[in-house]
Amino acid sequence: MKTGKNGQSVTKTCICSNGDLGDIDRARTLASGADLLIAADGGARYIEAMGLKPHMILGDMDSIREDLFTEDPGVRRITFPRKKDQSDTELAVRWALEQGAETILLLGCWGGRPDHTLGNTALMVKFPGILKLWDDGFWLLALTAGQKLVFQTTVGAVVSMFPFDPETRISTTGLEYNLNDENLKFPTHGLSNFAVEETCSASVTRGLIILCMEGGQTWPQL
Protein backbone atom coordinates (compact mmCIF):
# COMPACT_ATOMS: atom_id res chain seq x y z
CA MET A 1 0.00 0.00 0.00
CA LYS A 2 1.41 3.39 -0.94
CA THR A 3 1.75 6.27 1.49
CA GLY A 4 1.86 9.98 0.94
CA LYS A 5 4.67 12.33 1.80
CA ASN A 6 3.39 12.71 5.37
CA GLY A 7 3.13 8.95 5.84
CA GLN A 8 -0.63 8.40 5.50
CA SER A 9 -2.09 5.84 3.12
CA VAL A 10 -3.38 7.43 -0.08
CA THR A 11 -4.18 4.33 -2.11
CA LYS A 12 -7.81 5.47 -2.37
CA THR A 13 -8.28 9.20 -2.85
CA CYS A 14 -11.54 11.14 -3.17
CA ILE A 15 -11.70 14.53 -4.87
CA CYS A 16 -14.81 16.64 -4.43
CA SER A 17 -15.41 19.39 -6.99
CA ASN A 18 -17.97 22.16 -7.34
CA GLY A 19 -20.42 20.68 -9.86
CA ASP A 20 -23.68 18.93 -8.99
CA LEU A 21 -23.54 16.26 -6.30
CA GLY A 22 -26.97 14.67 -5.97
CA ASP A 23 -27.42 12.15 -3.14
CA ILE A 24 -25.41 13.67 -0.26
CA ASP A 25 -25.84 10.61 1.98
CA ARG A 26 -24.49 8.24 -0.66
CA ALA A 27 -21.67 10.65 -1.42
CA ARG A 28 -20.77 10.72 2.27
CA THR A 29 -20.57 6.93 2.40
CA LEU A 30 -18.32 6.84 -0.66
CA ALA A 31 -16.08 9.70 0.51
CA SER A 32 -15.71 8.13 3.95
CA GLY A 33 -13.97 5.17 2.33
CA ALA A 34 -11.10 7.35 1.07
CA ASP A 35 -7.62 7.41 2.57
CA LEU A 36 -7.17 10.98 1.34
CA LEU A 37 -9.99 13.51 0.89
CA ILE A 38 -9.33 16.55 -1.32
CA ALA A 39 -11.55 19.54 -2.03
CA ALA A 40 -11.07 21.11 -5.44
CA ASP A 41 -11.84 24.74 -4.57
CA GLY A 42 -15.61 25.16 -4.03
CA GLY A 43 -16.06 21.41 -3.63
CA ALA A 44 -15.19 22.07 0.01
CA ARG A 45 -18.82 23.09 0.56
CA TYR A 46 -19.96 19.56 -0.21
CA ILE A 47 -17.42 18.06 2.15
CA GLU A 48 -18.71 20.40 4.86
CA ALA A 49 -22.29 19.35 4.05
CA MET A 50 -21.25 15.70 4.43
CA GLY A 51 -19.96 16.43 7.92
CA LEU A 52 -16.43 15.48 6.85
CA LYS A 53 -13.11 17.31 6.82
CA PRO A 54 -10.74 17.44 3.84
CA HIS A 55 -7.04 16.76 4.18
CA MET A 56 -6.35 19.28 1.43
CA ILE A 57 -8.12 22.19 -0.29
CA LEU A 58 -6.56 22.94 -3.66
CA GLY A 59 -7.34 25.43 -6.43
CA ASP A 60 -7.47 29.12 -7.27
CA MET A 61 -9.99 29.68 -4.45
CA ASP A 62 -12.40 31.65 -6.61
CA SER A 63 -15.50 29.67 -5.59
CA ILE A 64 -14.87 28.65 -1.98
CA ARG A 65 -16.49 30.42 0.96
CA GLU A 66 -13.76 32.50 2.59
CA ASP A 67 -14.23 31.13 6.12
CA LEU A 68 -14.52 27.45 5.19
CA PHE A 69 -12.09 25.30 7.24
CA THR A 70 -9.74 28.27 7.74
CA GLU A 71 -9.72 27.74 11.52
CA ASP A 72 -8.76 24.08 11.25
CA PRO A 73 -4.96 23.61 11.34
CA GLY A 74 -5.36 20.04 10.09
CA VAL A 75 -6.59 21.18 6.66
CA ARG A 76 -3.80 22.04 4.24
CA ARG A 77 -4.22 24.49 1.34
CA ILE A 78 -2.47 24.97 -1.97
CA THR A 79 -3.50 28.11 -3.83
CA PHE A 80 -2.96 28.51 -7.56
CA PRO A 81 -3.32 31.67 -9.68
CA ARG A 82 -6.61 32.13 -11.50
CA LYS A 83 -4.77 32.29 -14.82
CA LYS A 84 -3.57 28.71 -15.18
CA ASP A 85 -3.46 25.90 -17.71
CA GLN A 86 -5.41 23.23 -15.80
CA SER A 87 -8.75 23.11 -14.02
CA ASP A 88 -8.83 22.88 -10.23
CA THR A 89 -9.99 19.27 -10.58
CA GLU A 90 -7.07 18.34 -12.85
CA LEU A 91 -4.63 19.99 -10.45
CA ALA A 92 -6.16 17.96 -7.61
CA VAL A 93 -5.88 14.74 -9.64
CA ARG A 94 -2.25 15.36 -10.50
CA TRP A 95 -1.40 16.25 -6.89
CA ALA A 96 -3.10 13.07 -5.65
CA LEU A 97 -1.12 10.97 -8.13
CA GLU A 98 2.09 12.61 -6.90
CA GLN A 99 1.15 11.47 -3.38
CA GLY A 100 0.84 7.87 -4.60
CA ALA A 101 -2.89 7.56 -5.25
CA GLU A 102 -3.76 4.39 -7.18
CA THR A 103 -7.50 4.94 -7.54
CA ILE A 104 -9.30 8.29 -7.45
CA LEU A 105 -13.00 8.88 -6.91
CA LEU A 106 -14.44 12.09 -8.37
CA LEU A 107 -17.52 13.60 -6.72
CA GLY A 108 -19.31 16.80 -7.74
CA CYS A 109 -17.69 16.60 -11.18
CA TRP A 110 -20.83 16.24 -13.29
CA GLY A 111 -23.59 18.70 -14.13
CA GLY A 112 -23.39 22.44 -13.74
CA ARG A 113 -21.31 23.99 -16.53
CA PRO A 114 -21.18 21.69 -19.59
CA ASP A 115 -17.59 22.67 -20.36
CA HIS A 116 -16.51 21.44 -16.92
CA THR A 117 -18.47 18.23 -17.47
CA LEU A 118 -16.64 17.65 -20.77
CA GLY A 119 -13.33 18.56 -19.15
CA ASN A 120 -13.84 15.96 -16.44
CA THR A 121 -14.78 13.39 -19.10
CA ALA A 122 -11.47 14.18 -20.80
CA LEU A 123 -9.72 13.64 -17.47
CA MET A 124 -11.15 10.12 -17.27
CA VAL A 125 -9.85 9.47 -20.79
CA LYS A 126 -6.44 10.82 -19.77
CA PHE A 127 -6.25 8.50 -16.75
CA PRO A 128 -8.14 5.32 -17.73
CA GLY A 129 -8.80 2.87 -14.95
CA ILE A 130 -7.58 5.32 -12.29
CA LEU A 131 -10.36 7.92 -12.18
CA LYS A 132 -13.87 6.83 -11.21
CA LEU A 133 -16.63 9.40 -11.37
CA TRP A 134 -19.82 8.91 -9.37
CA ASP A 135 -22.96 10.89 -10.13
CA ASP A 136 -26.34 10.26 -8.53
CA GLY A 137 -26.41 6.49 -8.80
CA PHE A 138 -24.11 5.96 -11.79
CA TRP A 139 -20.40 5.17 -12.03
CA LEU A 140 -18.33 6.34 -14.98
CA LEU A 141 -14.76 5.41 -15.86
CA ALA A 142 -12.57 4.95 -18.91
CA LEU A 143 -10.95 1.65 -19.85
CA THR A 144 -8.19 1.25 -22.42
CA ALA A 145 -6.57 -1.70 -24.19
CA GLY A 146 -5.35 -4.32 -21.72
CA GLN A 147 -7.65 -3.22 -18.89
CA LYS A 148 -10.46 -5.34 -17.44
CA LEU A 149 -13.10 -4.36 -14.90
CA VAL A 150 -15.14 -6.88 -12.91
CA PHE A 151 -18.00 -5.12 -11.12
CA GLN A 152 -20.92 -5.92 -8.86
CA THR A 153 -24.34 -4.51 -9.68
CA THR A 154 -28.00 -5.54 -9.62
CA VAL A 155 -29.89 -7.49 -12.25
CA GLY A 156 -31.59 -5.00 -14.56
CA ALA A 157 -29.07 -2.21 -13.94
CA VAL A 158 -28.16 -0.07 -16.94
CA VAL A 159 -24.65 -0.63 -18.30
CA SER A 160 -23.63 1.55 -21.24
CA MET A 161 -20.28 1.73 -23.02
CA PHE A 162 -19.06 4.36 -25.47
CA PRO A 163 -16.06 3.76 -27.77
CA PHE A 164 -13.60 6.53 -28.59
CA ASP A 165 -11.99 4.65 -31.47
CA PRO A 166 -14.01 3.18 -34.41
CA GLU A 167 -11.86 0.03 -34.19
CA THR A 168 -12.50 -0.54 -30.46
CA ARG A 169 -12.83 -4.21 -29.52
CA ILE A 170 -14.18 -5.42 -26.18
CA SER A 171 -15.37 -8.52 -24.33
CA THR A 172 -18.15 -8.45 -21.75
CA THR A 173 -19.89 -10.90 -19.43
CA GLY A 174 -23.08 -10.74 -17.39
CA LEU A 175 -24.93 -8.42 -19.78
CA GLU A 176 -28.02 -8.89 -21.90
CA TYR A 177 -25.94 -8.24 -25.02
CA ASN A 178 -22.37 -9.49 -24.65
CA LEU A 179 -19.44 -9.13 -27.01
CA ASN A 180 -16.53 -11.57 -27.31
CA ASP A 181 -13.50 -9.60 -28.50
CA GLU A 182 -15.79 -7.87 -31.00
CA ASN A 183 -16.06 -4.36 -32.37
CA LEU A 184 -18.02 -1.90 -30.24
CA LYS A 185 -19.24 0.36 -33.01
CA PHE A 186 -18.87 4.12 -32.73
CA PRO A 187 -20.79 5.98 -31.39
CA THR A 188 -23.92 4.48 -29.71
CA HIS A 189 -23.64 0.72 -30.23
CA GLY A 190 -23.11 0.22 -26.48
CA LEU A 191 -25.93 2.46 -25.21
CA SER A 192 -28.51 1.03 -22.75
CA ASN A 193 -27.30 -2.50 -22.22
CA PHE A 194 -28.49 -4.25 -19.03
CA ALA A 195 -27.02 -6.53 -16.39
CA VAL A 196 -28.51 -10.03 -16.27
CA GLU A 197 -26.11 -11.17 -13.53
CA GLU A 198 -24.90 -9.51 -10.34
CA THR A 199 -21.26 -9.91 -11.38
CA CYS A 200 -20.37 -8.42 -14.76
CA SER A 201 -17.14 -7.65 -16.57
CA ALA A 202 -15.78 -5.55 -19.40
CA SER A 203 -12.33 -5.83 -20.93
CA VAL A 204 -10.81 -3.83 -23.78
CA THR A 205 -8.48 -5.45 -26.30
CA ARG A 206 -8.25 -2.43 -28.60
CA GLY A 207 -9.16 1.24 -28.31
CA LEU A 208 -10.75 3.02 -25.35
CA ILE A 209 -14.24 3.17 -23.88
CA ILE A 210 -16.12 5.08 -21.22
CA LEU A 211 -18.22 2.71 -19.18
CA CYS A 212 -21.34 4.01 -17.43
CA MET A 213 -23.00 1.65 -14.96
CA GLU A 214 -25.93 2.02 -12.64
CA GLY A 215 -25.67 0.99 -9.00
CA GLY A 216 -22.70 -0.72 -7.41
CA GLN A 217 -22.16 -0.13 -3.72
CA THR A 218 -18.35 0.02 -3.68
CA TRP A 219 -15.65 1.79 -5.64
CA PRO A 220 -15.02 -0.04 -8.95
CA GLN A 221 -11.55 -1.63 -8.85
CA LEU A 222 -9.57 -2.99 -11.77
C-alpha atoms as a PDB file:
ATOM      1  CA  MET A   1       0.000   0.000   0.000  1.00  0.00           C
ATOM      2  CA  LYS A   2       1.412   3.386  -0.943  1.00  0.00           C
ATOM      3  CA  THR A   3       1.747   6.269   1.491  1.00  0.00           C
ATOM      4  CA  GLY A   4       1.857   9.982   0.936  1.00  0.00           C
ATOM      5  CA  LYS A   5       4.671  12.331   1.805  1.00  0.00           C
ATOM      6  CA  ASN A   6       3.387  12.714   5.371  1.00  0.00           C
ATOM      7  CA  GLY A   7       3.127   8.949   5.836  1.00  0.00           C
ATOM      8  CA  GLN A   8      -0.625   8.401   5.501  1.00  0.00           C
ATOM      9  CA  SER A   9      -2.091   5.839   3.125  1.00  0.00           C
ATOM     10  CA  VAL A  10      -3.381   7.429  -0.081  1.00  0.00           C
ATOM     11  CA  THR A  11      -4.176   4.326  -2.115  1.00  0.00           C
ATOM     12  CA  LYS A  12      -7.813   5.469  -2.365  1.00  0.00           C
ATOM     13  CA  THR A  13      -8.282   9.202  -2.854  1.00  0.00           C
ATOM     14  CA  CYS A  14     -11.537  11.143  -3.167  1.00  0.00           C
ATOM     15  CA  ILE A  15     -11.699  14.533  -4.874  1.00  0.00           C
ATOM     16  CA  CYS A  16     -14.814  16.637  -4.433  1.00  0.00           C
ATOM     17  CA  SER A  17     -15.409  19.391  -6.990  1.00  0.00           C
ATOM     18  CA  ASN A  18     -17.965  22.162  -7.336  1.00  0.00           C
ATOM     19  CA  GLY A  19     -20.418  20.678  -9.863  1.00  0.00           C
ATOM     20  CA  ASP A  20     -23.682  18.931  -8.993  1.00  0.00           C
ATOM     21  CA  LEU A  21     -23.541  16.265  -6.298  1.00  0.00           C
ATOM     22  CA  GLY A  22     -26.974  14.667  -5.974  1.00  0.00           C
ATOM     23  CA  ASP A  23     -27.416  12.153  -3.137  1.00  0.00           C
ATOM     24  CA  ILE A  24     -25.407  13.668  -0.264  1.00  0.00           C
ATOM     25  CA  ASP A  25     -25.845  10.613   1.976  1.00  0.00           C
ATOM     26  CA  ARG A  26     -24.490   8.244  -0.660  1.00  0.00           C
ATOM     27  CA  ALA A  27     -21.673  10.653  -1.425  1.00  0.00           C
ATOM     28  CA  ARG A  28     -20.767  10.721   2.273  1.00  0.00           C
ATOM     29  CA  THR A  29     -20.572   6.934   2.400  1.00  0.00           C
ATOM     30  CA  LEU A  30     -18.321   6.840  -0.656  1.00  0.00           C
ATOM     31  CA  ALA A  31     -16.084   9.700   0.505  1.00  0.00           C
ATOM     32  CA  SER A  32     -15.713   8.131   3.950  1.00  0.00           C
ATOM     33  CA  GLY A  33     -13.973   5.173   2.327  1.00  0.00           C
ATOM     34  CA  ALA A  34     -11.099   7.346   1.071  1.00  0.00           C
ATOM     35  CA  ASP A  35      -7.621   7.411   2.573  1.00  0.00           C
ATOM     36  CA  LEU A  36      -7.169  10.982   1.336  1.00  0.00           C
ATOM     37  CA  LEU A  37      -9.992  13.512   0.887  1.00  0.00           C
ATOM     38  CA  ILE A  38      -9.332  16.545  -1.319  1.00  0.00           C
ATOM     39  CA  ALA A  39     -11.548  19.541  -2.025  1.00  0.00           C
ATOM     40  CA  ALA A  40     -11.067  21.107  -5.441  1.00  0.00           C
ATOM     41  CA  ASP A  41     -11.838  24.735  -4.568  1.00  0.00           C
ATOM     42  CA  GLY A  42     -15.613  25.163  -4.026  1.00  0.00           C
ATOM     43  CA  GLY A  43     -16.060  21.408  -3.626  1.00  0.00           C
ATOM     44  CA  ALA A  44     -15.189  22.066   0.012  1.00  0.00           C
ATOM     45  CA  ARG A  45     -18.822  23.091   0.561  1.00  0.00           C
ATOM     46  CA  TYR A  46     -19.959  19.560  -0.214  1.00  0.00           C
ATOM     47  CA  ILE A  47     -17.417  18.062   2.155  1.00  0.00           C
ATOM     48  CA  GLU A  48     -18.709  20.395   4.858  1.00  0.00           C
ATOM     49  CA  ALA A  49     -22.288  19.348   4.049  1.00  0.00           C
ATOM     50  CA  MET A  50     -21.250  15.697   4.434  1.00  0.00           C
ATOM     51  CA  GLY A  51     -19.965  16.430   7.917  1.00  0.00           C
ATOM     52  CA  LEU A  52     -16.428  15.476   6.847  1.00  0.00           C
ATOM     53  CA  LYS A  53     -13.112  17.308   6.821  1.00  0.00           C
ATOM     54  CA  PRO A  54     -10.742  17.445   3.837  1.00  0.00           C
ATOM     55  CA  HIS A  55      -7.042  16.757   4.177  1.00  0.00           C
ATOM     56  CA  MET A  56      -6.350  19.285   1.425  1.00  0.00           C
ATOM     57  CA  ILE A  57      -8.118  22.194  -0.294  1.00  0.00           C
ATOM     58  CA  LEU A  58      -6.561  22.938  -3.661  1.00  0.00           C
ATOM     59  CA  GLY A  59      -7.345  25.431  -6.426  1.00  0.00           C
ATOM     60  CA  ASP A  60      -7.470  29.117  -7.275  1.00  0.00           C
ATOM     61  CA  MET A  61      -9.989  29.675  -4.451  1.00  0.00           C
ATOM     62  CA  ASP A  62     -12.403  31.649  -6.612  1.00  0.00           C
ATOM     63  CA  SER A  63     -15.501  29.668  -5.588  1.00  0.00           C
ATOM     64  CA  ILE A  64     -14.871  28.652  -1.978  1.00  0.00           C
ATOM     65  CA  ARG A  65     -16.494  30.423   0.956  1.00  0.00           C
ATOM     66  CA  GLU A  66     -13.764  32.501   2.592  1.00  0.00           C
ATOM     67  CA  ASP A  67     -14.227  31.129   6.123  1.00  0.00           C
ATOM     68  CA  LEU A  68     -14.515  27.449   5.185  1.00  0.00           C
ATOM     69  CA  PHE A  69     -12.091  25.303   7.237  1.00  0.00           C
ATOM     70  CA  THR A  70      -9.743  28.275   7.744  1.00  0.00           C
ATOM     71  CA  GLU A  71      -9.720  27.740  11.525  1.00  0.00           C
ATOM     72  CA  ASP A  72      -8.757  24.082  11.249  1.00  0.00           C
ATOM     73  CA  PRO A  73      -4.960  23.611  11.338  1.00  0.00           C
ATOM     74  CA  GLY A  74      -5.358  20.039  10.088  1.00  0.00           C
ATOM     75  CA  VAL A  75      -6.590  21.177   6.665  1.00  0.00           C
ATOM     76  CA  ARG A  76      -3.802  22.042   4.239  1.00  0.00           C
ATOM     77  CA  ARG A  77      -4.221  24.493   1.343  1.00  0.00           C
ATOM     78  CA  ILE A  78      -2.469  24.965  -1.967  1.00  0.00           C
ATOM     79  CA  THR A  79      -3.503  28.107  -3.829  1.00  0.00           C
ATOM     80  CA  PHE A  80      -2.956  28.512  -7.560  1.00  0.00           C
ATOM     81  CA  PRO A  81      -3.318  31.673  -9.680  1.00  0.00           C
ATOM     82  CA  ARG A  82      -6.608  32.127 -11.503  1.00  0.00           C
ATOM     83  CA  LYS A  83      -4.771  32.285 -14.822  1.00  0.00           C
ATOM     84  CA  LYS A  84      -3.571  28.708 -15.178  1.00  0.00           C
ATOM     85  CA  ASP A  85      -3.455  25.896 -17.714  1.00  0.00           C
ATOM     86  CA  GLN A  86      -5.414  23.229 -15.802  1.00  0.00           C
ATOM     87  CA  SER A  87      -8.751  23.110 -14.015  1.00  0.00           C
ATOM     88  CA  ASP A  88      -8.826  22.881 -10.226  1.00  0.00           C
ATOM     89  CA  THR A  89      -9.985  19.271 -10.581  1.00  0.00           C
ATOM     90  CA  GLU A  90      -7.075  18.339 -12.849  1.00  0.00           C
ATOM     91  CA  LEU A  91      -4.630  19.991 -10.450  1.00  0.00           C
ATOM     92  CA  ALA A  92      -6.159  17.965  -7.606  1.00  0.00           C
ATOM     93  CA  VAL A  93      -5.885  14.741  -9.636  1.00  0.00           C
ATOM     94  CA  ARG A  94      -2.249  15.355 -10.498  1.00  0.00           C
ATOM     95  CA  TRP A  95      -1.404  16.255  -6.889  1.00  0.00           C
ATOM     96  CA  ALA A  96      -3.101  13.072  -5.646  1.00  0.00           C
ATOM     97  CA  LEU A  97      -1.115  10.971  -8.130  1.00  0.00           C
ATOM     98  CA  GLU A  98       2.089  12.606  -6.902  1.00  0.00           C
ATOM     99  CA  GLN A  99       1.155  11.470  -3.384  1.00  0.00           C
ATOM    100  CA  GLY A 100       0.839   7.867  -4.603  1.00  0.00           C
ATOM    101  CA  ALA A 101      -2.892   7.556  -5.251  1.00  0.00           C
ATOM    102  CA  GLU A 102      -3.762   4.393  -7.182  1.00  0.00           C
ATOM    103  CA  THR A 103      -7.502   4.938  -7.544  1.00  0.00           C
ATOM    104  CA  ILE A 104      -9.297   8.290  -7.447  1.00  0.00           C
ATOM    105  CA  LEU A 105     -12.997   8.877  -6.907  1.00  0.00           C
ATOM    106  CA  LEU A 106     -14.441  12.094  -8.370  1.00  0.00           C
ATOM    107  CA  LEU A 107     -17.519  13.604  -6.722  1.00  0.00           C
ATOM    108  CA  GLY A 108     -19.312  16.799  -7.738  1.00  0.00           C
ATOM    109  CA  CYS A 109     -17.686  16.602 -11.180  1.00  0.00           C
ATOM    110  CA  TRP A 110     -20.830  16.241 -13.285  1.00  0.00           C
ATOM    111  CA  GLY A 111     -23.591  18.700 -14.131  1.00  0.00           C
ATOM    112  CA  GLY A 112     -23.390  22.444 -13.741  1.00  0.00           C
ATOM    113  CA  ARG A 113     -21.310  23.988 -16.532  1.00  0.00           C
ATOM    114  CA  PRO A 114     -21.180  21.690 -19.592  1.00  0.00           C
ATOM    115  CA  ASP A 115     -17.585  22.672 -20.359  1.00  0.00           C
ATOM    116  CA  HIS A 116     -16.514  21.442 -16.915  1.00  0.00           C
ATOM    117  CA  THR A 117     -18.470  18.227 -17.470  1.00  0.00           C
ATOM    118  CA  LEU A 118     -16.636  17.649 -20.765  1.00  0.00           C
ATOM    119  CA  GLY A 119     -13.332  18.563 -19.152  1.00  0.00           C
ATOM    120  CA  ASN A 120     -13.837  15.957 -16.442  1.00  0.00           C
ATOM    121  CA  THR A 121     -14.784  13.392 -19.101  1.00  0.00           C
ATOM    122  CA  ALA A 122     -11.471  14.179 -20.800  1.00  0.00           C
ATOM    123  CA  LEU A 123      -9.718  13.637 -17.466  1.00  0.00           C
ATOM    124  CA  MET A 124     -11.154  10.116 -17.275  1.00  0.00           C
ATOM    125  CA  VAL A 125      -9.854   9.470 -20.788  1.00  0.00           C
ATOM    126  CA  LYS A 126      -6.438  10.816 -19.769  1.00  0.00           C
ATOM    127  CA  PHE A 127      -6.253   8.495 -16.750  1.00  0.00           C
ATOM    128  CA  PRO A 128      -8.144   5.320 -17.733  1.00  0.00           C
ATOM    129  CA  GLY A 129      -8.797   2.867 -14.945  1.00  0.00           C
ATOM    130  CA  ILE A 130      -7.579   5.319 -12.291  1.00  0.00           C
ATOM    131  CA  LEU A 131     -10.359   7.921 -12.179  1.00  0.00           C
ATOM    132  CA  LYS A 132     -13.866   6.828 -11.213  1.00  0.00           C
ATOM    133  CA  LEU A 133     -16.631   9.404 -11.369  1.00  0.00           C
ATOM    134  CA  TRP A 134     -19.817   8.915  -9.370  1.00  0.00           C
ATOM    135  CA  ASP A 135     -22.958  10.895 -10.131  1.00  0.00           C
ATOM    136  CA  ASP A 136     -26.335  10.265  -8.525  1.00  0.00           C
ATOM    137  CA  GLY A 137     -26.413   6.490  -8.803  1.00  0.00           C
ATOM    138  CA  PHE A 138     -24.107   5.961 -11.791  1.00  0.00           C
ATOM    139  CA  TRP A 139     -20.396   5.168 -12.030  1.00  0.00           C
ATOM    140  CA  LEU A 140     -18.327   6.336 -14.984  1.00  0.00           C
ATOM    141  CA  LEU A 141     -14.759   5.412 -15.858  1.00  0.00           C
ATOM    142  CA  ALA A 142     -12.571   4.946 -18.907  1.00  0.00           C
ATOM    143  CA  LEU A 143     -10.945   1.653 -19.854  1.00  0.00           C
ATOM    144  CA  THR A 144      -8.195   1.249 -22.420  1.00  0.00           C
ATOM    145  CA  ALA A 145      -6.567  -1.702 -24.186  1.00  0.00           C
ATOM    146  CA  GLY A 146      -5.353  -4.319 -21.723  1.00  0.00           C
ATOM    147  CA  GLN A 147      -7.648  -3.220 -18.886  1.00  0.00           C
ATOM    148  CA  LYS A 148     -10.456  -5.337 -17.438  1.00  0.00           C
ATOM    149  CA  LEU A 149     -13.098  -4.356 -14.895  1.00  0.00           C
ATOM    150  CA  VAL A 150     -15.139  -6.883 -12.905  1.00  0.00           C
ATOM    151  CA  PHE A 151     -17.996  -5.117 -11.124  1.00  0.00           C
ATOM    152  CA  GLN A 152     -20.920  -5.921  -8.863  1.00  0.00           C
ATOM    153  CA  THR A 153     -24.344  -4.515  -9.677  1.00  0.00           C
ATOM    154  CA  THR A 154     -28.001  -5.542  -9.618  1.00  0.00           C
ATOM    155  CA  VAL A 155     -29.893  -7.494 -12.251  1.00  0.00           C
ATOM    156  CA  GLY A 156     -31.593  -4.999 -14.562  1.00  0.00           C
ATOM    157  CA  ALA A 157     -29.075  -2.206 -13.935  1.00  0.00           C
ATOM    158  CA  VAL A 158     -28.159  -0.065 -16.938  1.00  0.00           C
ATOM    159  CA  VAL A 159     -24.654  -0.628 -18.295  1.00  0.00           C
ATOM    160  CA  SER A 160     -23.629   1.554 -21.240  1.00  0.00           C
ATOM    161  CA  MET A 161     -20.277   1.731 -23.023  1.00  0.00           C
ATOM    162  CA  PHE A 162     -19.062   4.359 -25.466  1.00  0.00           C
ATOM    163  CA  PRO A 163     -16.059   3.759 -27.767  1.00  0.00           C
ATOM    164  CA  PHE A 164     -13.599   6.530 -28.592  1.00  0.00           C
ATOM    165  CA  ASP A 165     -11.992   4.646 -31.473  1.00  0.00           C
ATOM    166  CA  PRO A 166     -14.014   3.182 -34.405  1.00  0.00           C
ATOM    167  CA  GLU A 167     -11.863   0.035 -34.187  1.00  0.00           C
ATOM    168  CA  THR A 168     -12.504  -0.535 -30.461  1.00  0.00           C
ATOM    169  CA  ARG A 169     -12.831  -4.212 -29.517  1.00  0.00           C
ATOM    170  CA  ILE A 170     -14.183  -5.424 -26.182  1.00  0.00           C
ATOM    171  CA  SER A 171     -15.370  -8.517 -24.334  1.00  0.00           C
ATOM    172  CA  THR A 172     -18.147  -8.452 -21.755  1.00  0.00           C
ATOM    173  CA  THR A 173     -19.891 -10.903 -19.433  1.00  0.00           C
ATOM    174  CA  GLY A 174     -23.076 -10.737 -17.391  1.00  0.00           C
ATOM    175  CA  LEU A 175     -24.925  -8.417 -19.777  1.00  0.00           C
ATOM    176  CA  GLU A 176     -28.021  -8.888 -21.904  1.00  0.00           C
ATOM    177  CA  TYR A 177     -25.944  -8.236 -25.019  1.00  0.00           C
ATOM    178  CA  ASN A 178     -22.374  -9.492 -24.651  1.00  0.00           C
ATOM    179  CA  LEU A 179     -19.438  -9.127 -27.013  1.00  0.00           C
ATOM    180  CA  ASN A 180     -16.534 -11.567 -27.312  1.00  0.00           C
ATOM    181  CA  ASP A 181     -13.500  -9.598 -28.500  1.00  0.00           C
ATOM    182  CA  GLU A 182     -15.795  -7.874 -31.001  1.00  0.00           C
ATOM    183  CA  ASN A 183     -16.060  -4.364 -32.369  1.00  0.00           C
ATOM    184  CA  LEU A 184     -18.023  -1.905 -30.238  1.00  0.00           C
ATOM    185  CA  LYS A 185     -19.243   0.358 -33.010  1.00  0.00           C
ATOM    186  CA  PHE A 186     -18.869   4.117 -32.728  1.00  0.00           C
ATOM    187  CA  PRO A 187     -20.790   5.981 -31.388  1.00  0.00           C
ATOM    188  CA  THR A 188     -23.915   4.479 -29.711  1.00  0.00           C
ATOM    189  CA  HIS A 189     -23.638   0.718 -30.234  1.00  0.00           C
ATOM    190  CA  GLY A 190     -23.111   0.219 -26.480  1.00  0.00           C
ATOM    191  CA  LEU A 191     -25.930   2.456 -25.206  1.00  0.00           C
ATOM    192  CA  SER A 192     -28.511   1.028 -22.752  1.00  0.00           C
ATOM    193  CA  ASN A 193     -27.303  -2.500 -22.216  1.00  0.00           C
ATOM    194  CA  PHE A 194     -28.488  -4.245 -19.031  1.00  0.00           C
ATOM    195  CA  ALA A 195     -27.023  -6.527 -16.390  1.00  0.00           C
ATOM    196  CA  VAL A 196     -28.506 -10.031 -16.265  1.00  0.00           C
ATOM    197  CA  GLU A 197     -26.109 -11.171 -13.529  1.00  0.00           C
ATOM    198  CA  GLU A 198     -24.899  -9.505 -10.338  1.00  0.00           C
ATOM    199  CA  THR A 199     -21.257  -9.910 -11.383  1.00  0.00           C
ATOM    200  CA  CYS A 200     -20.366  -8.425 -14.760  1.00  0.00           C
ATOM    201  CA  SER A 201     -17.142  -7.649 -16.565  1.00  0.00           C
ATOM    202  CA  ALA A 202     -15.781  -5.548 -19.397  1.00  0.00           C
ATOM    203  CA  SER A 203     -12.329  -5.832 -20.932  1.00  0.00           C
ATOM    204  CA  VAL A 204     -10.811  -3.834 -23.785  1.00  0.00           C
ATOM    205  CA  THR A 205      -8.482  -5.448 -26.297  1.00  0.00           C
ATOM    206  CA  ARG A 206      -8.247  -2.433 -28.603  1.00  0.00           C
ATOM    207  CA  GLY A 207      -9.161   1.239 -28.307  1.00  0.00           C
ATOM    208  CA  LEU A 208     -10.751   3.017 -25.354  1.00  0.00           C
ATOM    209  CA  ILE A 209     -14.243   3.169 -23.884  1.00  0.00           C
ATOM    210  CA  ILE A 210     -16.117   5.081 -21.216  1.00  0.00           C
ATOM    211  CA  LEU A 211     -18.224   2.705 -19.177  1.00  0.00           C
ATOM    212  CA  CYS A 212     -21.343   4.014 -17.428  1.00  0.00           C
ATOM    213  CA  MET A 213     -22.995   1.646 -14.965  1.00  0.00           C
ATOM    214  CA  GLU A 214     -25.927   2.016 -12.641  1.00  0.00           C
ATOM    215  CA  GLY A 215     -25.667   0.986  -9.000  1.00  0.00           C
ATOM    216  CA  GLY A 216     -22.704  -0.715  -7.410  1.00  0.00           C
ATOM    217  CA  GLN A 217     -22.156  -0.130  -3.715  1.00  0.00           C
ATOM    218  CA  THR A 218     -18.349   0.022  -3.677  1.00  0.00           C
ATOM    219  CA  TRP A 219     -15.647   1.790  -5.639  1.00  0.00           C
ATOM    220  CA  PRO A 220     -15.016  -0.037  -8.954  1.00  0.00           C
ATOM    221  CA  GLN A 221     -11.554  -1.625  -8.845  1.00  0.00           C
ATOM    222  CA  LEU A 222      -9.567  -2.990 -11.767  1.00  0.00           C
END
